[in-house]
Amino acid sequence: MSDDFNKDLKKEMEDLEKMIEEVKRQQAEEKKKLKKNRPENRNVIRIDLAARYSSSVVINLIVSFFVNFLLMFGLNAIFHFAEVANPYILLAIAFLFTLSEEAYKRLMLKKYLSVVMYTMGLIFFLFNVIVVWVLDLFVFDRMFDFNDPYYPVFFVLALSFLRTFVRSAYVRIVKAMSKSMAKSQTRR
C-alpha cells in the first residue's frame, strides 16, 4: 500500500510541476502581450508640473521665463501695477525673476524640504515678493517702479494664481494629448 501511495504522490507531484510550468509559460506570454499593447513613450513628452515644467533644466528655464514674461506683461497691461520705462525691461525682470526663483526653489527643495512642507509653500511666495521688491528698488531703480508700496505683494499674488491656472490647463492639455497618442498607437 505504501508503494501505491508513493506512486500516487509522485504522479501528483509531477502533475503539479507540469501545471506550475504551464502557469509560468502563460504568465510569460501575458507579459509579452502587455508589452506589445503598451504604448511606447518615445513620442510622448512627460513633464513634471509640481515644481517645474520639464526635467531638463534648460527647457524648464525657457518655459518658465516665457510664462513669467507673458503673465507679467499681461498683468501690468491690465492692472497697471508699475510704471515701466521700456517694455523690454519686463524681459529683463522676467529673466532675473525666473533665474532667482529656480535657484532658491532648488536650494529649498534640496536642503530645507521640511521648511517648505511646514510653510506649505508660502515661503516661495515670500521669496518672490522679496525678489520683486529688490528688482524694483535696487536693480531697475527708475526704469521699473511700482505705483504703490503694496503693489509688489498684489503683483506676486496675481502672478502666482495665474501661473497655477496656466499649469493646470497645461496638465490637462498634456494628459489629453498623451491619451490620444496612446489610443492612436494601440490602434495600429
N, C-alpha and C. Protein backbone atom coordinates (compact mmCIF):
# COMPACT_ATOMS: atom_id res chain seq x y z
N MET A 1 0.78 -1.17 0.00
CA MET A 1 0.00 0.00 0.00
C MET A 1 0.85 1.27 0.00
N SER A 2 1.94 1.20 0.67
CA SER A 2 2.83 2.36 0.69
C SER A 2 3.46 2.60 -0.67
N ASP A 3 3.72 1.52 -1.43
CA ASP A 3 4.26 1.71 -2.79
C ASP A 3 3.22 2.40 -3.68
N ASP A 4 1.96 1.98 -3.58
CA ASP A 4 0.91 2.63 -4.36
C ASP A 4 0.76 4.10 -3.94
N PHE A 5 0.83 4.32 -2.63
CA PHE A 5 0.72 5.69 -2.13
C PHE A 5 1.86 6.55 -2.64
N ASN A 6 3.08 6.04 -2.62
CA ASN A 6 4.25 6.76 -3.12
C ASN A 6 4.13 7.03 -4.61
N LYS A 7 3.61 6.02 -5.37
CA LYS A 7 3.44 6.22 -6.81
C LYS A 7 2.40 7.29 -7.08
N ASP A 8 1.32 7.27 -6.33
CA ASP A 8 0.27 8.28 -6.50
C ASP A 8 0.79 9.67 -6.13
N LEU A 9 1.54 9.73 -5.06
CA LEU A 9 2.12 11.00 -4.62
C LEU A 9 3.11 11.53 -5.66
N LYS A 10 3.92 10.63 -6.19
CA LYS A 10 4.89 11.00 -7.21
C LYS A 10 4.18 11.52 -8.46
N LYS A 11 3.10 10.84 -8.85
CA LYS A 11 2.33 11.23 -10.02
C LYS A 11 1.70 12.61 -9.81
N GLU A 12 1.15 12.83 -8.61
CA GLU A 12 0.55 14.13 -8.31
C GLU A 12 1.61 15.23 -8.29
N MET A 13 2.77 14.95 -7.80
CA MET A 13 3.87 15.93 -7.80
C MET A 13 4.27 16.28 -9.22
N GLU A 14 4.36 15.28 -10.08
CA GLU A 14 4.71 15.54 -11.47
C GLU A 14 3.62 16.37 -12.14
N ASP A 15 2.36 16.06 -11.84
CA ASP A 15 1.26 16.84 -12.41
C ASP A 15 1.31 18.29 -11.93
N LEU A 16 1.61 18.48 -10.64
CA LEU A 16 1.74 19.83 -10.10
C LEU A 16 2.90 20.59 -10.74
N GLU A 17 4.03 19.93 -10.94
CA GLU A 17 5.17 20.56 -11.60
C GLU A 17 4.82 20.97 -13.02
N LYS A 18 4.07 20.12 -13.74
CA LYS A 18 3.64 20.45 -15.10
C LYS A 18 2.70 21.64 -15.08
N MET A 19 1.81 21.67 -14.11
CA MET A 19 0.87 22.79 -14.00
C MET A 19 1.60 24.09 -13.68
N ILE A 20 2.58 24.01 -12.82
CA ILE A 20 3.38 25.20 -12.47
C ILE A 20 4.13 25.70 -13.70
N GLU A 21 4.72 24.81 -14.46
CA GLU A 21 5.40 25.20 -15.70
C GLU A 21 4.43 25.84 -16.69
N GLU A 22 3.22 25.30 -16.78
CA GLU A 22 2.21 25.85 -17.68
C GLU A 22 1.80 27.26 -17.25
N VAL A 23 1.62 27.45 -15.95
CA VAL A 23 1.27 28.78 -15.43
C VAL A 23 2.40 29.78 -15.69
N LYS A 24 3.64 29.36 -15.49
CA LYS A 24 4.78 30.24 -15.76
C LYS A 24 4.84 30.62 -17.23
N ARG A 25 4.58 29.67 -18.11
CA ARG A 25 4.59 29.94 -19.55
C ARG A 25 3.47 30.92 -19.91
N GLN A 26 2.28 30.73 -19.33
CA GLN A 26 1.17 31.63 -19.60
C GLN A 26 1.45 33.05 -19.10
N GLN A 27 2.07 33.15 -17.94
CA GLN A 27 2.42 34.47 -17.42
C GLN A 27 3.43 35.16 -18.31
N ALA A 28 4.40 34.41 -18.82
CA ALA A 28 5.39 34.98 -19.72
C ALA A 28 4.71 35.48 -20.99
N GLU A 29 3.76 34.72 -21.52
CA GLU A 29 3.04 35.13 -22.72
C GLU A 29 2.21 36.39 -22.46
N GLU A 30 1.57 36.45 -21.30
CA GLU A 30 0.77 37.62 -20.96
C GLU A 30 1.64 38.86 -20.82
N LYS A 31 2.82 38.70 -20.24
CA LYS A 31 3.74 39.84 -20.12
C LYS A 31 4.15 40.34 -21.48
N LYS A 32 4.42 39.43 -22.41
CA LYS A 32 4.79 39.82 -23.77
C LYS A 32 3.64 40.57 -24.44
N LYS A 33 2.41 40.07 -24.25
CA LYS A 33 1.25 40.74 -24.84
C LYS A 33 1.07 42.13 -24.26
N LEU A 34 1.24 42.27 -22.95
CA LEU A 34 1.10 43.57 -22.32
C LEU A 34 2.16 44.55 -22.83
N LYS A 35 3.38 44.07 -23.00
CA LYS A 35 4.44 44.93 -23.52
C LYS A 35 4.14 45.37 -24.94
N LYS A 36 3.57 44.48 -25.75
CA LYS A 36 3.22 44.84 -27.12
C LYS A 36 2.07 45.83 -27.15
N ASN A 37 1.09 45.69 -26.26
CA ASN A 37 -0.08 46.56 -26.25
C ASN A 37 0.18 47.89 -25.56
N ARG A 38 1.20 47.95 -24.76
CA ARG A 38 1.53 49.18 -24.05
C ARG A 38 2.07 50.20 -25.06
N PRO A 39 1.53 51.45 -25.01
CA PRO A 39 2.04 52.46 -25.94
C PRO A 39 3.47 52.83 -25.60
N GLU A 40 4.25 53.03 -26.62
CA GLU A 40 5.64 53.43 -26.40
C GLU A 40 5.67 54.90 -26.04
N ASN A 41 6.46 55.25 -25.07
CA ASN A 41 6.51 56.61 -24.57
C ASN A 41 7.57 57.45 -25.28
N ARG A 42 8.07 56.98 -26.37
CA ARG A 42 9.10 57.75 -27.06
C ARG A 42 8.52 59.04 -27.66
N ASN A 43 7.29 58.99 -28.09
CA ASN A 43 6.67 60.15 -28.73
C ASN A 43 5.93 61.04 -27.74
N VAL A 44 5.80 60.62 -26.52
CA VAL A 44 5.07 61.36 -25.51
C VAL A 44 6.07 62.06 -24.60
N ILE A 45 5.88 63.35 -24.39
CA ILE A 45 6.75 64.12 -23.51
C ILE A 45 6.10 64.17 -22.14
N ARG A 46 6.78 63.66 -21.16
CA ARG A 46 6.28 63.68 -19.79
C ARG A 46 6.92 64.87 -19.08
N ILE A 47 6.09 65.66 -18.47
CA ILE A 47 6.59 66.85 -17.79
C ILE A 47 6.05 66.87 -16.37
N ASP A 48 6.92 67.11 -15.42
CA ASP A 48 6.54 67.21 -14.02
C ASP A 48 6.17 68.66 -13.74
N LEU A 49 4.89 68.89 -13.45
CA LEU A 49 4.45 70.26 -13.24
C LEU A 49 4.36 70.66 -11.78
N ALA A 50 4.70 69.79 -10.91
CA ALA A 50 4.61 70.12 -9.50
C ALA A 50 5.59 71.23 -9.14
N ALA A 51 6.79 71.14 -9.58
CA ALA A 51 7.78 72.15 -9.26
C ALA A 51 8.46 72.71 -10.50
N ARG A 52 8.24 72.09 -11.65
CA ARG A 52 8.94 72.53 -12.84
C ARG A 52 8.16 72.08 -14.08
N TYR A 53 8.50 72.68 -15.20
CA TYR A 53 7.83 72.35 -16.45
C TYR A 53 8.44 71.13 -17.13
N SER A 54 9.71 70.93 -16.91
CA SER A 54 10.39 69.82 -17.56
C SER A 54 11.53 69.34 -16.68
N SER A 55 11.95 68.10 -16.89
CA SER A 55 13.08 67.59 -16.12
C SER A 55 14.39 68.16 -16.62
N SER A 56 14.40 68.66 -17.84
CA SER A 56 15.58 69.33 -18.38
C SER A 56 15.66 70.74 -17.81
N VAL A 57 16.80 71.09 -17.25
CA VAL A 57 16.98 72.40 -16.63
C VAL A 57 16.82 73.52 -17.65
N VAL A 58 17.38 73.34 -18.83
CA VAL A 58 17.32 74.38 -19.86
C VAL A 58 15.89 74.60 -20.33
N ILE A 59 15.18 73.52 -20.64
CA ILE A 59 13.79 73.65 -21.10
C ILE A 59 12.92 74.24 -20.00
N ASN A 60 13.16 73.81 -18.78
CA ASN A 60 12.39 74.35 -17.65
C ASN A 60 12.60 75.85 -17.52
N LEU A 61 13.84 76.31 -17.63
CA LEU A 61 14.12 77.74 -17.53
C LEU A 61 13.49 78.52 -18.67
N ILE A 62 13.56 77.99 -19.87
CA ILE A 62 12.99 78.69 -21.03
C ILE A 62 11.48 78.81 -20.91
N VAL A 63 10.81 77.70 -20.58
CA VAL A 63 9.35 77.73 -20.46
C VAL A 63 8.93 78.61 -19.30
N SER A 64 9.62 78.51 -18.17
CA SER A 64 9.30 79.36 -17.02
C SER A 64 9.48 80.83 -17.36
N PHE A 65 10.54 81.13 -18.08
CA PHE A 65 10.79 82.53 -18.48
C PHE A 65 9.67 83.05 -19.36
N PHE A 66 9.27 82.28 -20.37
CA PHE A 66 8.22 82.75 -21.26
C PHE A 66 6.88 82.90 -20.53
N VAL A 67 6.55 81.95 -19.68
CA VAL A 67 5.30 82.05 -18.92
C VAL A 67 5.35 83.26 -17.99
N ASN A 68 6.46 83.42 -17.29
CA ASN A 68 6.59 84.57 -16.38
C ASN A 68 6.51 85.89 -17.13
N PHE A 69 7.20 85.99 -18.26
CA PHE A 69 7.18 87.23 -19.02
C PHE A 69 5.78 87.55 -19.54
N LEU A 70 5.12 86.57 -20.13
CA LEU A 70 3.79 86.82 -20.68
C LEU A 70 2.79 87.21 -19.59
N LEU A 71 2.87 86.54 -18.46
CA LEU A 71 1.95 86.87 -17.37
C LEU A 71 2.29 88.21 -16.74
N MET A 72 3.57 88.52 -16.57
CA MET A 72 3.95 89.82 -16.02
C MET A 72 3.52 90.95 -16.95
N PHE A 73 3.75 90.76 -18.23
CA PHE A 73 3.36 91.77 -19.21
C PHE A 73 1.85 91.96 -19.20
N GLY A 74 1.11 90.85 -19.19
CA GLY A 74 -0.35 90.93 -19.18
C GLY A 74 -0.89 91.56 -17.91
N LEU A 75 -0.36 91.17 -16.77
CA LEU A 75 -0.81 91.76 -15.51
C LEU A 75 -0.56 93.25 -15.46
N ASN A 76 0.61 93.67 -15.90
CA ASN A 76 0.93 95.09 -15.86
C ASN A 76 0.09 95.86 -16.88
N ALA A 77 -0.19 95.25 -18.03
CA ALA A 77 -1.00 95.92 -19.04
C ALA A 77 -2.45 96.09 -18.55
N ILE A 78 -2.96 95.11 -17.84
CA ILE A 78 -4.36 95.15 -17.39
C ILE A 78 -4.51 95.99 -16.12
N PHE A 79 -3.68 95.74 -15.12
CA PHE A 79 -3.87 96.37 -13.81
C PHE A 79 -2.95 97.56 -13.55
N HIS A 80 -1.97 97.82 -14.39
CA HIS A 80 -1.05 98.96 -14.25
C HIS A 80 -0.42 99.01 -12.86
N PHE A 81 0.18 97.88 -12.48
CA PHE A 81 0.85 97.81 -11.18
C PHE A 81 2.07 98.72 -11.13
N ALA A 82 2.78 98.85 -12.25
CA ALA A 82 4.05 99.58 -12.23
C ALA A 82 4.19 100.43 -13.49
N GLU A 83 5.02 101.44 -13.34
CA GLU A 83 5.40 102.26 -14.48
C GLU A 83 6.67 101.65 -15.07
N VAL A 84 6.62 101.32 -16.34
CA VAL A 84 7.75 100.69 -17.00
C VAL A 84 8.26 101.63 -18.08
N ALA A 85 9.55 101.97 -18.00
CA ALA A 85 10.14 102.90 -18.96
C ALA A 85 10.16 102.31 -20.36
N ASN A 86 10.39 101.02 -20.45
CA ASN A 86 10.51 100.35 -21.73
C ASN A 86 9.95 98.94 -21.58
N PRO A 87 9.12 98.48 -22.54
CA PRO A 87 8.58 97.12 -22.40
C PRO A 87 9.65 96.03 -22.32
N TYR A 88 10.84 96.32 -22.86
CA TYR A 88 11.92 95.34 -22.80
C TYR A 88 12.46 95.16 -21.39
N ILE A 89 12.19 96.11 -20.51
CA ILE A 89 12.59 95.99 -19.12
C ILE A 89 11.90 94.78 -18.49
N LEU A 90 10.64 94.53 -18.90
CA LEU A 90 9.92 93.38 -18.36
C LEU A 90 10.58 92.06 -18.78
N LEU A 91 11.23 92.05 -19.94
CA LEU A 91 12.00 90.86 -20.34
C LEU A 91 13.12 90.60 -19.35
N ALA A 92 13.85 91.65 -19.00
CA ALA A 92 14.96 91.50 -18.06
C ALA A 92 14.44 91.13 -16.67
N ILE A 93 13.33 91.73 -16.25
CA ILE A 93 12.75 91.41 -14.95
C ILE A 93 12.31 89.95 -14.91
N ALA A 94 11.62 89.52 -15.97
CA ALA A 94 11.16 88.13 -16.03
C ALA A 94 12.35 87.17 -16.02
N PHE A 95 13.42 87.53 -16.72
CA PHE A 95 14.61 86.68 -16.77
C PHE A 95 15.26 86.57 -15.39
N LEU A 96 15.49 87.69 -14.72
CA LEU A 96 16.11 87.67 -13.40
C LEU A 96 15.19 87.01 -12.37
N PHE A 97 13.90 87.27 -12.48
CA PHE A 97 12.94 86.65 -11.59
C PHE A 97 12.96 85.14 -11.75
N THR A 98 12.96 84.66 -12.99
CA THR A 98 12.97 83.22 -13.26
C THR A 98 14.24 82.57 -12.74
N LEU A 99 15.38 83.18 -13.01
CA LEU A 99 16.65 82.62 -12.52
C LEU A 99 16.69 82.54 -11.00
N SER A 100 16.32 83.63 -10.35
CA SER A 100 16.37 83.61 -8.88
C SER A 100 15.35 82.63 -8.31
N GLU A 101 14.17 82.56 -8.91
CA GLU A 101 13.15 81.63 -8.42
C GLU A 101 13.61 80.18 -8.54
N GLU A 102 14.17 79.83 -9.69
CA GLU A 102 14.66 78.47 -9.88
C GLU A 102 15.79 78.15 -8.90
N ALA A 103 16.67 79.12 -8.67
CA ALA A 103 17.81 78.89 -7.77
C ALA A 103 17.34 78.64 -6.34
N TYR A 104 16.48 79.51 -5.82
CA TYR A 104 16.09 79.29 -4.42
C TYR A 104 15.11 78.14 -4.28
N LYS A 105 14.31 77.83 -5.31
CA LYS A 105 13.44 76.65 -5.21
C LYS A 105 14.26 75.38 -5.15
N ARG A 106 15.28 75.29 -5.99
CA ARG A 106 16.14 74.10 -5.96
C ARG A 106 16.84 73.97 -4.61
N LEU A 107 17.35 75.08 -4.10
CA LEU A 107 18.03 75.06 -2.81
C LEU A 107 17.07 74.66 -1.69
N MET A 108 15.90 75.26 -1.67
CA MET A 108 14.95 74.98 -0.60
C MET A 108 14.44 73.54 -0.67
N LEU A 109 14.15 73.05 -1.88
CA LEU A 109 13.65 71.69 -2.00
C LEU A 109 14.73 70.65 -1.71
N LYS A 110 15.99 71.02 -1.96
CA LYS A 110 17.08 70.08 -1.72
C LYS A 110 17.54 70.07 -0.26
N LYS A 111 17.70 71.25 0.33
CA LYS A 111 18.29 71.33 1.65
C LYS A 111 17.29 71.57 2.77
N TYR A 112 16.18 72.25 2.46
CA TYR A 112 15.24 72.65 3.50
C TYR A 112 13.81 72.22 3.17
N LEU A 113 13.65 70.99 2.78
CA LEU A 113 12.33 70.48 2.41
C LEU A 113 11.35 70.57 3.58
N SER A 114 11.83 70.37 4.78
CA SER A 114 10.94 70.43 5.95
C SER A 114 10.36 71.83 6.12
N VAL A 115 11.13 72.87 5.84
CA VAL A 115 10.63 74.24 5.93
C VAL A 115 9.56 74.48 4.87
N VAL A 116 9.80 73.99 3.67
CA VAL A 116 8.82 74.14 2.59
C VAL A 116 7.53 73.43 2.96
N MET A 117 7.64 72.23 3.50
CA MET A 117 6.46 71.46 3.88
C MET A 117 5.73 72.13 5.06
N TYR A 118 6.49 72.64 6.01
CA TYR A 118 5.90 73.27 7.18
C TYR A 118 5.13 74.53 6.79
N THR A 119 5.69 75.31 5.87
CA THR A 119 5.03 76.56 5.45
C THR A 119 4.04 76.34 4.30
N MET A 120 3.91 75.10 3.85
CA MET A 120 3.01 74.74 2.75
C MET A 120 3.28 75.57 1.49
N GLY A 121 4.53 75.89 1.25
CA GLY A 121 4.93 76.61 0.06
C GLY A 121 4.84 78.12 0.17
N LEU A 122 4.34 78.62 1.30
CA LEU A 122 4.23 80.07 1.48
C LEU A 122 5.59 80.75 1.42
N ILE A 123 6.61 80.02 1.77
CA ILE A 123 7.96 80.60 1.74
C ILE A 123 8.36 81.01 0.32
N PHE A 124 7.88 80.25 -0.68
CA PHE A 124 8.16 80.62 -2.07
C PHE A 124 7.48 81.94 -2.43
N PHE A 125 6.27 82.12 -1.97
CA PHE A 125 5.56 83.38 -2.20
C PHE A 125 6.33 84.54 -1.58
N LEU A 126 6.79 84.37 -0.35
CA LEU A 126 7.53 85.44 0.34
C LEU A 126 8.85 85.74 -0.38
N PHE A 127 9.54 84.69 -0.83
CA PHE A 127 10.77 84.92 -1.59
C PHE A 127 10.47 85.66 -2.89
N ASN A 128 9.37 85.32 -3.56
CA ASN A 128 9.01 86.01 -4.80
C ASN A 128 8.74 87.49 -4.54
N VAL A 129 8.06 87.80 -3.44
CA VAL A 129 7.81 89.20 -3.10
C VAL A 129 9.13 89.92 -2.86
N ILE A 130 10.03 89.29 -2.14
CA ILE A 130 11.34 89.90 -1.87
C ILE A 130 12.11 90.13 -3.16
N VAL A 131 12.09 89.15 -4.05
CA VAL A 131 12.80 89.30 -5.33
C VAL A 131 12.22 90.45 -6.14
N VAL A 132 10.91 90.55 -6.20
CA VAL A 132 10.28 91.63 -6.96
C VAL A 132 10.60 92.99 -6.32
N TRP A 133 10.59 93.08 -5.02
CA TRP A 133 10.94 94.32 -4.35
C TRP A 133 12.39 94.70 -4.61
N VAL A 134 13.28 93.74 -4.56
CA VAL A 134 14.70 94.02 -4.84
C VAL A 134 14.88 94.49 -6.28
N LEU A 135 14.20 93.82 -7.21
CA LEU A 135 14.29 94.25 -8.61
C LEU A 135 13.74 95.65 -8.79
N ASP A 136 12.67 95.98 -8.10
CA ASP A 136 12.06 97.30 -8.19
C ASP A 136 12.95 98.38 -7.58
N LEU A 137 13.45 98.12 -6.38
CA LEU A 137 14.16 99.17 -5.64
C LEU A 137 15.64 99.32 -6.00
N PHE A 138 16.29 98.20 -6.34
CA PHE A 138 17.74 98.28 -6.50
C PHE A 138 18.24 98.03 -7.91
N VAL A 139 17.64 97.10 -8.63
CA VAL A 139 18.17 96.73 -9.94
C VAL A 139 17.65 97.67 -11.02
N PHE A 140 16.35 97.88 -11.07
CA PHE A 140 15.75 98.74 -12.10
C PHE A 140 15.14 99.96 -11.41
N ASP A 141 16.01 100.77 -10.84
CA ASP A 141 15.60 101.85 -9.94
C ASP A 141 14.55 102.77 -10.57
N ARG A 142 14.81 103.41 -11.65
CA ARG A 142 13.87 104.37 -12.26
C ARG A 142 13.20 103.81 -13.51
N MET A 143 13.64 102.66 -13.99
CA MET A 143 13.06 102.09 -15.21
C MET A 143 11.82 101.26 -14.92
N PHE A 144 11.70 100.77 -13.70
CA PHE A 144 10.56 99.96 -13.28
C PHE A 144 10.21 100.40 -11.87
N ASP A 145 9.01 100.93 -11.70
CA ASP A 145 8.64 101.47 -10.40
C ASP A 145 7.17 101.17 -10.12
N PHE A 146 6.92 100.44 -9.01
CA PHE A 146 5.54 100.14 -8.64
C PHE A 146 4.83 101.43 -8.22
N ASN A 147 3.56 101.53 -8.55
CA ASN A 147 2.78 102.74 -8.27
C ASN A 147 2.37 102.85 -6.81
N ASP A 148 2.42 101.77 -6.06
CA ASP A 148 2.02 101.75 -4.66
C ASP A 148 2.93 100.79 -3.92
N PRO A 149 3.23 101.05 -2.66
CA PRO A 149 4.11 100.13 -1.92
C PRO A 149 3.55 98.72 -1.75
N TYR A 150 2.23 98.55 -1.83
CA TYR A 150 1.62 97.23 -1.68
C TYR A 150 1.48 96.48 -2.99
N TYR A 151 1.72 97.16 -4.10
CA TYR A 151 1.54 96.52 -5.41
C TYR A 151 2.47 95.34 -5.66
N PRO A 152 3.70 95.34 -5.14
CA PRO A 152 4.52 94.13 -5.35
C PRO A 152 3.87 92.88 -4.76
N VAL A 153 3.21 93.00 -3.62
CA VAL A 153 2.54 91.86 -3.00
C VAL A 153 1.38 91.40 -3.88
N PHE A 154 0.56 92.37 -4.34
CA PHE A 154 -0.57 92.02 -5.20
C PHE A 154 -0.11 91.47 -6.55
N PHE A 155 0.98 92.04 -7.05
CA PHE A 155 1.54 91.59 -8.33
C PHE A 155 1.98 90.12 -8.22
N VAL A 156 2.73 89.79 -7.18
CA VAL A 156 3.21 88.42 -6.99
C VAL A 156 2.04 87.48 -6.70
N LEU A 157 1.08 87.93 -5.94
CA LEU A 157 -0.10 87.12 -5.65
C LEU A 157 -0.87 86.79 -6.94
N ALA A 158 -1.12 87.80 -7.75
CA ALA A 158 -1.81 87.58 -9.03
C ALA A 158 -0.98 86.70 -9.95
N LEU A 159 0.32 86.92 -9.98
CA LEU A 159 1.22 86.11 -10.81
C LEU A 159 1.18 84.65 -10.36
N SER A 160 1.20 84.41 -9.06
CA SER A 160 1.16 83.04 -8.54
C SER A 160 -0.14 82.34 -8.91
N PHE A 161 -1.27 83.03 -8.75
CA PHE A 161 -2.56 82.42 -9.11
C PHE A 161 -2.65 82.14 -10.60
N LEU A 162 -2.22 83.09 -11.41
CA LEU A 162 -2.29 82.87 -12.87
C LEU A 162 -1.38 81.73 -13.31
N ARG A 163 -0.20 81.64 -12.71
CA ARG A 163 0.69 80.53 -13.07
C ARG A 163 0.09 79.19 -12.67
N THR A 164 -0.64 79.16 -11.56
CA THR A 164 -1.32 77.93 -11.15
C THR A 164 -2.36 77.53 -12.18
N PHE A 165 -3.14 78.49 -12.66
CA PHE A 165 -4.15 78.19 -13.67
C PHE A 165 -3.51 77.77 -15.00
N VAL A 166 -2.42 78.43 -15.37
CA VAL A 166 -1.73 78.07 -16.62
C VAL A 166 -1.19 76.65 -16.51
N ARG A 167 -0.58 76.31 -15.38
CA ARG A 167 -0.03 74.96 -15.21
C ARG A 167 -1.11 73.90 -15.19
N SER A 168 -2.25 74.18 -14.54
CA SER A 168 -3.31 73.17 -14.51
C SER A 168 -3.91 72.98 -15.90
N ALA A 169 -4.06 74.07 -16.65
CA ALA A 169 -4.54 73.94 -18.04
C ALA A 169 -3.52 73.17 -18.87
N TYR A 170 -2.25 73.43 -18.63
CA TYR A 170 -1.19 72.75 -19.36
C TYR A 170 -1.21 71.25 -19.05
N VAL A 171 -1.45 70.90 -17.78
CA VAL A 171 -1.52 69.49 -17.38
C VAL A 171 -2.67 68.80 -18.12
N ARG A 172 -3.82 69.46 -18.15
CA ARG A 172 -4.97 68.86 -18.85
C ARG A 172 -4.67 68.65 -20.33
N ILE A 173 -4.06 69.62 -20.95
CA ILE A 173 -3.74 69.51 -22.38
C ILE A 173 -2.76 68.39 -22.63
N VAL A 174 -1.70 68.31 -21.81
CA VAL A 174 -0.70 67.26 -21.98
C VAL A 174 -1.31 65.89 -21.75
N LYS A 175 -2.17 65.76 -20.74
CA LYS A 175 -2.82 64.47 -20.49
C LYS A 175 -3.72 64.08 -21.65
N ALA A 176 -4.47 65.03 -22.18
CA ALA A 176 -5.35 64.73 -23.31
C ALA A 176 -4.53 64.33 -24.54
N MET A 177 -3.42 65.01 -24.77
CA MET A 177 -2.56 64.67 -25.90
C MET A 177 -1.94 63.29 -25.70
N SER A 178 -1.53 62.98 -24.49
CA SER A 178 -0.93 61.67 -24.20
C SER A 178 -1.94 60.56 -24.42
N LYS A 179 -3.17 60.77 -23.97
CA LYS A 179 -4.21 59.77 -24.15
C LYS A 179 -4.52 59.56 -25.62
N SER A 180 -4.63 60.64 -26.37
CA SER A 180 -4.95 60.49 -27.79
C SER A 180 -3.81 59.82 -28.55
N MET A 181 -2.58 60.13 -28.17
CA MET A 181 -1.43 59.47 -28.82
C MET A 181 -1.39 58.00 -28.45
N ALA A 182 -1.71 57.67 -27.20
CA ALA A 182 -1.70 56.27 -26.77
C ALA A 182 -2.79 55.50 -27.49
N LYS A 183 -3.96 56.11 -27.66
CA LYS A 183 -5.05 55.44 -28.39
C LYS A 183 -4.70 55.22 -29.83
N SER A 184 -4.08 56.21 -30.47
CA SER A 184 -3.72 56.06 -31.88
C SER A 184 -2.63 55.00 -32.07
N GLN A 185 -1.74 54.85 -31.09
CA GLN A 185 -0.69 53.84 -31.21
C GLN A 185 -1.23 52.44 -30.95
N THR A 186 -2.25 52.31 -30.10
CA THR A 186 -2.80 50.97 -29.84
C THR A 186 -3.66 50.51 -31.00
N ARG A 187 -4.19 51.42 -31.79
CA ARG A 187 -5.00 51.06 -32.95
C ARG A 187 -4.16 50.48 -34.06
N ARG A 188 -2.91 50.83 -34.09
CA ARG A 188 -2.03 50.37 -35.18
C ARG A 188 -1.71 48.96 -35.03
